[in-house]
Amino acid sequence: MKGPCKASTKNEDQEGRAAATARQAEAPEANNFWTADSHFALETEGTHSLGEPVMATHYLESCQALSVVPASCLLRQGSASELNLRHRGLGPQGARALASMLTSNVYIKRLDLRDNGLCGAGAEALADVLCKNNIISDVDLSDNQIGAAGLQAICAALALNPAVQKMQLGGNRLEEKAAQHLAALLLRHTSLKSLDLSYNQLNDLAGETLGPALAENTGLTELNLSWNHLRGPGAIALAKGLEANIFLKVLDISHNGFGDSGAASVGEALKANNVLEELNMRNNRISMTGALKLGLGLQVNQTLRILIEIQMNRECDDLTNTVNAILPGLCIKNNTSRRKDWPPVSTPSQLASAPTDSGL
């Protein structure tokens, strides 16, 4: 689902009316589905498969109340520890129905809801679940356009739930306003180990907010900030956060706009940081000058094992050879791959401002 969700408060009333119209259009189909025979068949199948009558009953009742057709794969979930509902088009209403079941969940540890058009309202419904459920530890809400409002609800829920250790929030149109919620999460949630914020719109001001929070975070070991708009002062602030951080082991800041100043700041961070093991900096508008300054940090750093870059010319090749001679244990990867499902075919303009470069 790549359809638009709420982009700002100005559009809430208009989109609310559109959503209501859509629900009215879908209601006959959903109502036709809820015949006595189909309800009985689904309820019987769900109860038998799940082995938990309460979960199945709550879900079916919620689907009927919200005029939502139940997801048959969910009714056959059984006691599996992973629930995969990718690309199902659940929408906010489907998320609300799902939330009723997850509240009483005693099996599911990994919840994958990537690309379901949940928007802010759907994220808020799931946030209520995360406040109460201490079983789920791995959540994927990527490509759901939850925006700042949805993110705020999710972050507030995670702050109260130490069970969640991995959260994927890529492709959710998170901008500068979302950074304050993310910063609060980094400061309060010490059990979160992996956070994916790739393919968003976090800019230099967002970087200035996230940098100090990263410096104070005491738990995160993997952070993905690739394909954002981190540059200038924001890139420098993030690098300073890396310098002070003592837990992070894997950092992906590829496809941003760090430039030479950002590369120099990362180089300084690597001189002090003695924890980071893997760093991805490819496609960051870094010239040979910036690469040399980054290399100064690499000469001092003792823990980095993998550096992922993009090799474009003989000078970069010579630099790689020099660094490898100094640090034979460092693996430098030349990798230009990108996520296969991005950018979406329907919205090529979203990456029009993404940085391109001829350096790292």
Protein backbone atom coordinates (compact mmCIF):
# COMPACT_ATOMS: atom_id res chain seq x y z
CA MET A 1 0.00 0.00 0.00
CA LYS A 2 1.55 3.28 -1.07
CA GLY A 3 -1.59 5.38 -0.92
CA PRO A 4 -1.48 8.78 0.83
CA CYS A 5 -2.34 9.13 4.51
CA LYS A 6 -2.69 12.29 6.56
CA ALA A 7 0.09 14.63 5.62
CA SER A 8 -0.89 17.53 7.88
CA THR A 9 -3.66 18.71 10.19
CA LYS A 10 -5.06 20.87 7.39
CA ASN A 11 -6.11 17.76 5.49
CA GLU A 12 -7.67 15.86 8.41
CA ASP A 13 -11.28 16.92 7.79
CA GLN A 14 -11.09 16.39 4.04
CA GLU A 15 -9.43 12.99 4.36
CA GLY A 16 -11.77 12.05 7.16
CA ARG A 17 -14.74 12.63 4.85
CA ALA A 18 -12.99 10.65 2.12
CA ALA A 19 -12.36 7.77 4.51
CA ALA A 20 -15.98 7.81 5.62
CA THR A 21 -17.11 7.67 2.01
CA ALA A 22 -14.78 4.76 1.34
CA ARG A 23 -16.11 2.89 4.37
CA GLN A 24 -19.67 3.42 3.16
CA ALA A 25 -18.71 2.06 -0.24
CA GLU A 26 -17.09 -1.01 1.29
CA ALA A 27 -19.79 -1.61 3.87
CA PRO A 28 -22.15 -3.58 1.55
CA GLU A 29 -19.35 -5.97 0.63
CA ALA A 30 -18.35 -6.44 4.24
CA ASN A 31 -21.96 -6.83 5.35
CA ASN A 32 -22.58 -9.43 2.67
CA PHE A 33 -19.57 -11.31 3.97
CA TRP A 34 -20.98 -11.42 7.47
CA THR A 35 -23.75 -13.93 6.90
CA ALA A 36 -24.65 -16.30 9.70
CA ASP A 37 -23.02 -19.25 7.92
CA SER A 38 -19.75 -17.47 7.15
CA HIS A 39 -19.54 -16.04 10.67
CA PHE A 40 -20.02 -19.49 12.17
CA ALA A 41 -17.52 -21.09 9.79
CA LEU A 42 -14.84 -18.49 10.44
CA GLU A 43 -15.43 -18.49 14.17
CA THR A 44 -15.16 -22.27 14.29
CA GLU A 45 -12.03 -22.33 12.12
CA GLY A 46 -10.38 -19.51 14.04
CA THR A 47 -11.12 -20.96 17.45
CA HIS A 48 -9.89 -24.40 16.48
CA SER A 49 -6.70 -23.19 14.81
CA LEU A 50 -5.70 -20.57 17.30
CA GLY A 51 -6.26 -22.75 20.30
CA GLU A 52 -7.32 -19.55 22.04
CA PRO A 53 -11.08 -18.89 21.75
CA VAL A 54 -10.88 -15.44 23.30
CA MET A 55 -8.44 -14.11 20.71
CA ALA A 56 -10.44 -15.41 17.75
CA THR A 57 -13.75 -14.25 19.16
CA HIS A 58 -12.51 -10.74 19.91
CA TYR A 59 -11.06 -10.40 16.44
CA LEU A 60 -14.18 -11.63 14.65
CA GLU A 61 -16.46 -9.43 16.73
CA SER A 62 -14.29 -6.40 16.08
CA CYS A 63 -14.20 -7.09 12.34
CA GLN A 64 -17.97 -7.31 12.24
CA ALA A 65 -18.41 -4.14 14.29
CA LEU A 66 -16.00 -2.22 12.07
CA SER A 67 -17.33 -3.72 8.80
CA VAL A 68 -13.93 -5.25 8.08
CA VAL A 69 -13.45 -8.57 6.29
CA PRO A 70 -11.28 -10.78 8.55
CA ALA A 71 -7.84 -11.85 7.40
CA SER A 72 -8.14 -15.60 6.91
CA CYS A 73 -4.41 -16.11 7.39
CA LEU A 74 -4.72 -14.56 10.81
CA LEU A 75 -7.49 -16.96 11.74
CA ARG A 76 -5.12 -19.79 10.84
CA GLN A 77 -2.30 -18.29 12.86
CA GLY A 78 -2.35 -20.96 15.54
CA SER A 79 0.30 -20.64 18.22
CA ALA A 80 3.00 -19.39 15.82
CA SER A 81 5.35 -16.80 17.27
CA GLU A 82 5.36 -14.63 14.10
CA LEU A 83 2.40 -12.87 12.50
CA ASN A 84 3.13 -11.73 8.93
CA LEU A 85 0.46 -9.48 7.42
CA ARG A 86 2.57 -7.62 4.87
CA HIS A 87 0.83 -5.90 1.94
CA ARG A 88 -2.67 -6.80 3.16
CA GLY A 89 -4.23 -3.35 2.84
CA LEU A 90 -5.50 -3.41 6.42
CA GLY A 91 -5.86 0.35 6.75
CA PRO A 92 -6.74 2.06 10.03
CA GLN A 93 -9.94 0.04 10.51
CA GLY A 94 -8.19 -3.25 9.96
CA ALA A 95 -5.54 -2.20 12.46
CA ARG A 96 -8.23 -1.48 15.04
CA ALA A 97 -9.73 -4.92 14.54
CA LEU A 98 -6.32 -6.54 14.78
CA ALA A 99 -5.56 -4.63 17.97
CA SER A 100 -8.50 -6.26 19.72
CA MET A 101 -6.91 -9.68 19.17
CA LEU A 102 -3.34 -8.67 19.96
CA THR A 103 -4.35 -7.26 23.32
CA SER A 104 -4.97 -10.81 24.56
CA ASN A 105 -2.08 -12.30 22.57
CA VAL A 106 0.05 -14.86 24.38
CA TYR A 107 1.94 -16.29 21.39
CA ILE A 108 3.03 -13.65 18.89
CA LYS A 109 6.51 -12.25 19.42
CA ARG A 110 7.18 -10.81 15.97
CA LEU A 111 4.58 -8.59 14.29
CA ASP A 112 5.11 -7.68 10.62
CA LEU A 113 2.64 -5.10 9.28
CA ARG A 114 4.80 -3.56 6.56
CA ASP A 115 2.94 -1.69 3.80
CA ASN A 116 -0.65 -1.70 5.04
CA GLY A 117 -1.66 1.96 4.81
CA LEU A 118 -2.13 2.14 8.56
CA CYS A 119 -1.62 5.92 8.70
CA GLY A 120 -1.63 7.75 12.02
CA ALA A 121 -4.93 6.29 13.22
CA GLY A 122 -3.84 2.71 12.68
CA ALA A 123 -0.54 3.37 14.45
CA GLU A 124 -2.42 4.79 17.42
CA ALA A 125 -4.55 1.65 17.65
CA LEU A 126 -1.45 -0.54 17.66
CA ALA A 127 0.25 1.73 20.18
CA ASP A 128 -2.52 0.91 22.61
CA VAL A 129 -1.64 -2.77 22.18
CA LEU A 130 2.05 -2.17 22.76
CA CYS A 131 1.23 -0.37 26.01
CA LYS A 132 -0.42 -3.52 27.37
CA ASN A 133 1.28 -6.45 25.64
CA ASN A 134 4.64 -7.62 27.01
CA ILE A 135 5.03 -10.56 24.61
CA ILE A 136 5.74 -8.79 21.31
CA SER A 137 9.43 -7.98 20.96
CA ASP A 138 9.90 -7.33 17.22
CA VAL A 139 7.66 -4.93 15.25
CA ASP A 140 7.78 -3.89 11.58
CA LEU A 141 5.61 -0.87 10.72
CA SER A 142 7.58 0.18 7.63
CA ASP A 143 5.88 1.89 4.67
CA ASN A 144 2.71 2.80 6.52
CA GLN A 145 2.91 6.61 6.38
CA ILE A 146 2.18 6.93 10.09
CA GLY A 147 3.56 10.47 10.24
CA ALA A 148 4.49 12.42 13.36
CA ALA A 149 1.18 11.79 15.14
CA GLY A 150 1.35 8.04 14.69
CA LEU A 151 5.01 8.01 15.68
CA GLN A 152 4.28 9.96 18.85
CA ALA A 153 1.77 7.31 19.93
CA ILE A 154 4.18 4.47 19.11
CA CYS A 155 7.09 6.09 20.97
CA ALA A 156 4.95 6.79 24.02
CA ALA A 157 3.87 3.14 24.07
CA LEU A 158 7.42 1.84 23.69
CA ALA A 159 8.56 4.00 26.59
CA LEU A 160 6.20 1.96 28.77
CA ASN A 161 7.05 -1.43 27.28
CA PRO A 162 10.58 -2.80 27.78
CA ALA A 163 9.68 -6.00 25.89
CA VAL A 164 10.10 -4.46 22.40
CA GLN A 165 13.71 -4.83 21.28
CA LYS A 166 13.44 -4.25 17.54
CA MET A 167 11.39 -1.60 15.72
CA GLN A 168 11.28 -0.90 11.98
CA LEU A 169 9.81 2.47 10.98
CA GLY A 170 11.26 2.99 7.51
CA GLY A 171 9.26 4.71 4.77
CA ASN A 172 6.82 6.51 7.08
CA ARG A 173 7.29 10.13 5.97
CA LEU A 174 8.91 11.04 9.25
CA GLU A 175 10.16 14.62 9.16
CA GLU A 176 11.69 17.18 11.50
CA LYS A 177 8.73 17.17 13.90
CA ALA A 178 9.08 13.43 14.38
CA ALA A 179 12.68 13.80 15.60
CA GLN A 180 11.64 15.05 19.04
CA HIS A 181 9.59 11.89 19.63
CA LEU A 182 12.46 9.71 18.43
CA ALA A 183 14.89 11.56 20.68
CA ALA A 184 12.63 11.02 23.68
CA LEU A 185 12.43 7.32 22.80
CA LEU A 186 16.23 7.00 22.64
CA LEU A 187 16.52 8.60 26.06
CA ARG A 188 13.82 6.55 27.77
CA HIS A 189 13.78 3.09 26.16
CA THR A 190 16.95 1.28 27.23
CA SER A 191 15.76 -2.16 26.10
CA LEU A 192 15.39 -1.24 22.41
CA LYS A 193 18.31 -2.83 20.54
CA SER A 194 17.56 -2.20 16.85
CA LEU A 195 15.86 0.83 15.24
CA ASP A 196 15.28 1.29 11.49
CA LEU A 197 14.43 4.85 10.37
CA SER A 198 15.51 4.51 6.74
CA TYR A 199 13.67 6.02 3.74
CA ASN A 200 12.22 8.91 5.71
CA GLN A 201 12.64 12.69 5.46
CA LEU A 202 14.73 13.42 8.53
CA ASN A 203 16.71 16.59 7.74
CA ASP A 204 19.58 18.54 9.26
CA LEU A 205 17.40 19.95 12.04
CA ALA A 206 16.26 16.43 12.86
CA GLY A 207 19.92 15.42 13.05
CA GLU A 208 20.58 18.21 15.54
CA THR A 209 17.80 16.78 17.71
CA LEU A 210 18.81 13.14 17.37
CA GLY A 211 22.54 13.65 17.91
CA PRO A 212 22.44 14.51 21.64
CA ALA A 213 19.91 11.73 22.25
CA LEU A 214 22.19 9.22 20.54
CA ALA A 215 25.02 10.35 22.79
CA GLU A 216 22.95 9.58 25.88
CA ASN A 217 21.30 6.37 24.65
CA THR A 218 22.17 3.29 26.69
CA GLY A 219 20.93 0.23 24.85
CA LEU A 220 20.66 0.61 21.07
CA THR A 221 23.16 -1.57 19.21
CA GLU A 222 21.92 -1.10 15.61
CA LEU A 223 20.64 2.11 13.98
CA ASN A 224 19.64 2.59 10.33
CA LEU A 225 19.29 6.21 9.15
CA SER A 226 19.97 5.57 5.45
CA TRP A 227 18.07 7.41 2.69
CA ASN A 228 17.21 10.50 4.72
CA HIS A 229 18.31 14.15 4.35
CA LEU A 230 20.93 14.41 7.08
CA ARG A 231 23.51 17.01 6.16
CA GLY A 232 25.32 20.11 7.41
CA PRO A 233 24.93 20.82 11.13
CA GLY A 234 22.62 17.82 11.50
CA ALA A 235 25.27 15.43 10.18
CA ILE A 236 27.88 16.96 12.47
CA ALA A 237 25.56 16.70 15.50
CA LEU A 238 24.86 13.05 14.72
CA ALA A 239 28.58 12.35 14.44
CA LYS A 240 29.15 13.95 17.83
CA GLY A 241 26.43 11.71 19.22
CA LEU A 242 28.28 8.71 17.80
CA GLU A 243 31.48 9.92 19.45
CA ALA A 244 29.91 9.81 22.91
CA ASN A 245 27.80 6.68 22.42
CA ILE A 246 29.12 3.52 24.10
CA PHE A 247 26.61 0.89 22.94
CA LEU A 248 26.03 1.23 19.18
CA LYS A 249 27.73 -1.48 17.08
CA VAL A 250 26.13 -1.05 13.64
CA LEU A 251 25.34 2.34 12.04
CA ASP A 252 23.96 2.91 8.53
CA ILE A 253 24.00 6.56 7.43
CA SER A 254 24.32 5.86 3.70
CA HIS A 255 22.51 7.93 1.05
CA ASN A 256 22.36 11.15 3.04
CA GLY A 257 24.36 14.35 2.49
CA PHE A 258 27.09 14.25 5.10
CA GLY A 259 29.61 15.86 2.78
CA ASP A 260 33.21 16.58 3.73
CA SER A 261 32.32 18.31 7.00
CA GLY A 262 30.20 15.37 8.09
CA ALA A 263 32.91 12.90 7.07
CA ALA A 264 35.48 14.86 9.08
CA SER A 265 33.17 14.79 12.11
CA VAL A 266 32.67 11.03 11.75
CA GLY A 267 36.44 10.67 11.55
CA GLU A 268 36.79 12.56 14.83
CA ALA A 269 34.06 10.39 16.37
CA LEU A 270 35.91 7.22 15.36
CA LYS A 271 38.98 8.41 17.23
CA ALA A 272 37.03 8.33 20.49
CA ASN A 273 34.44 5.63 19.85
CA ASN A 274 35.61 2.17 20.89
CA VAL A 275 32.40 0.21 20.35
CA LEU A 276 31.22 0.63 16.72
CA GLU A 277 31.94 -2.41 14.53
CA GLU A 278 30.17 -1.67 11.24
CA LEU A 279 29.67 1.67 9.46
CA ASN A 280 27.89 2.28 6.15
CA MET A 281 28.66 5.71 4.64
CA ARG A 282 28.22 5.14 0.92
CA ASN A 283 26.75 7.90 -1.27
CA ASN A 284 27.21 10.89 1.03
CA ARG A 285 28.72 13.54 -1.27
CA ILE A 286 32.15 13.01 0.23
CA SER A 287 35.12 14.13 -1.86
CA MET A 288 38.68 12.90 -1.58
CA THR A 289 39.33 15.62 1.00
CA GLY A 290 36.56 14.37 3.25
CA ALA A 291 37.60 10.75 2.74
CA LEU A 292 41.12 11.56 3.91
CA LYS A 293 39.77 13.17 7.07
CA LEU A 294 37.60 10.13 7.67
CA GLY A 295 40.70 8.01 7.19
CA LEU A 296 42.46 9.82 10.05
CA GLY A 297 39.83 8.48 12.39
CA LEU A 298 40.12 5.00 10.93
CA GLN A 299 43.82 4.96 11.69
CA VAL A 300 43.11 5.49 15.39
CA ASN A 301 39.96 3.41 15.80
CA GLN A 302 40.49 -0.13 17.10
CA THR A 303 37.01 -1.69 16.92
CA LEU A 304 35.56 -0.96 13.45
CA ARG A 305 35.57 -4.16 11.39
CA ILE A 306 33.44 -3.21 8.34
CA LEU A 307 33.29 0.06 6.40
CA ILE A 308 30.89 0.14 3.47
CA GLU A 309 31.67 2.73 0.82
CA ILE A 310 31.28 3.37 -2.91
CA GLN A 311 34.45 3.30 -4.98
CA MET A 312 34.38 5.64 -7.95
CA ASN A 313 37.92 6.42 -9.05
CA ARG A 314 41.63 5.60 -8.81
CA GLU A 315 42.11 8.02 -5.91
CA CYS A 316 39.52 6.18 -3.84
CA ASP A 317 41.18 2.91 -4.77
CA ASP A 318 44.55 4.24 -3.57
CA LEU A 319 42.97 5.44 -0.32
CA THR A 320 41.39 2.04 0.25
CA ASN A 321 44.72 0.33 -0.25
CA THR A 322 46.42 2.75 2.15
CA VAL A 323 43.80 2.23 4.85
CA ASN A 324 43.95 -1.55 4.42
CA ALA A 325 47.72 -1.42 4.80
CA ILE A 326 47.36 0.44 8.08
CA LEU A 327 44.36 -1.55 9.28
CA PRO A 328 44.54 -5.04 7.75
CA GLY A 329 41.64 -6.26 9.88
CA LEU A 330 39.21 -3.66 8.48
CA CYS A 331 36.86 -4.94 5.76
CA ILE A 332 36.05 -2.18 3.24
CA LYS A 333 33.09 -3.07 1.07
CA ASN A 334 32.29 -1.39 -2.24
CA ASN A 335 28.54 -1.74 -2.47
CA THR A 336 26.02 0.18 -4.55
CA SER A 337 22.95 -1.95 -3.95
CA ARG A 338 19.66 -0.50 -2.79
CA ARG A 339 16.44 -1.83 -1.37
CA LYS A 340 14.67 -3.71 -4.14
CA ASP A 341 11.18 -2.38 -3.35
CA TRP A 342 12.24 1.28 -3.25
CA PRO A 343 11.42 3.76 -4.58
CA PRO A 344 7.79 2.81 -5.22
CA VAL A 345 6.86 2.99 -8.88
CA SER A 346 3.91 5.26 -8.15
CA THR A 347 5.94 7.94 -6.37
CA PRO A 348 9.30 8.43 -8.10
CA SER A 349 9.38 12.10 -7.11
CA GLN A 350 9.84 11.24 -3.46
CA LEU A 351 13.53 10.62 -4.11
CA ALA A 352 14.04 13.53 -6.46
CA SER A 353 15.99 15.38 -3.78
CA ALA A 354 17.99 12.33 -2.66
CA PRO A 355 21.73 13.07 -2.83
CA THR A 356 23.86 11.76 -5.65
CA ASP A 357 27.61 12.03 -5.62
CA SER A 358 30.89 11.05 -7.13
CA GLY A 359 32.62 10.20 -3.88
CA LEU A 360 31.83 8.07 -0.84
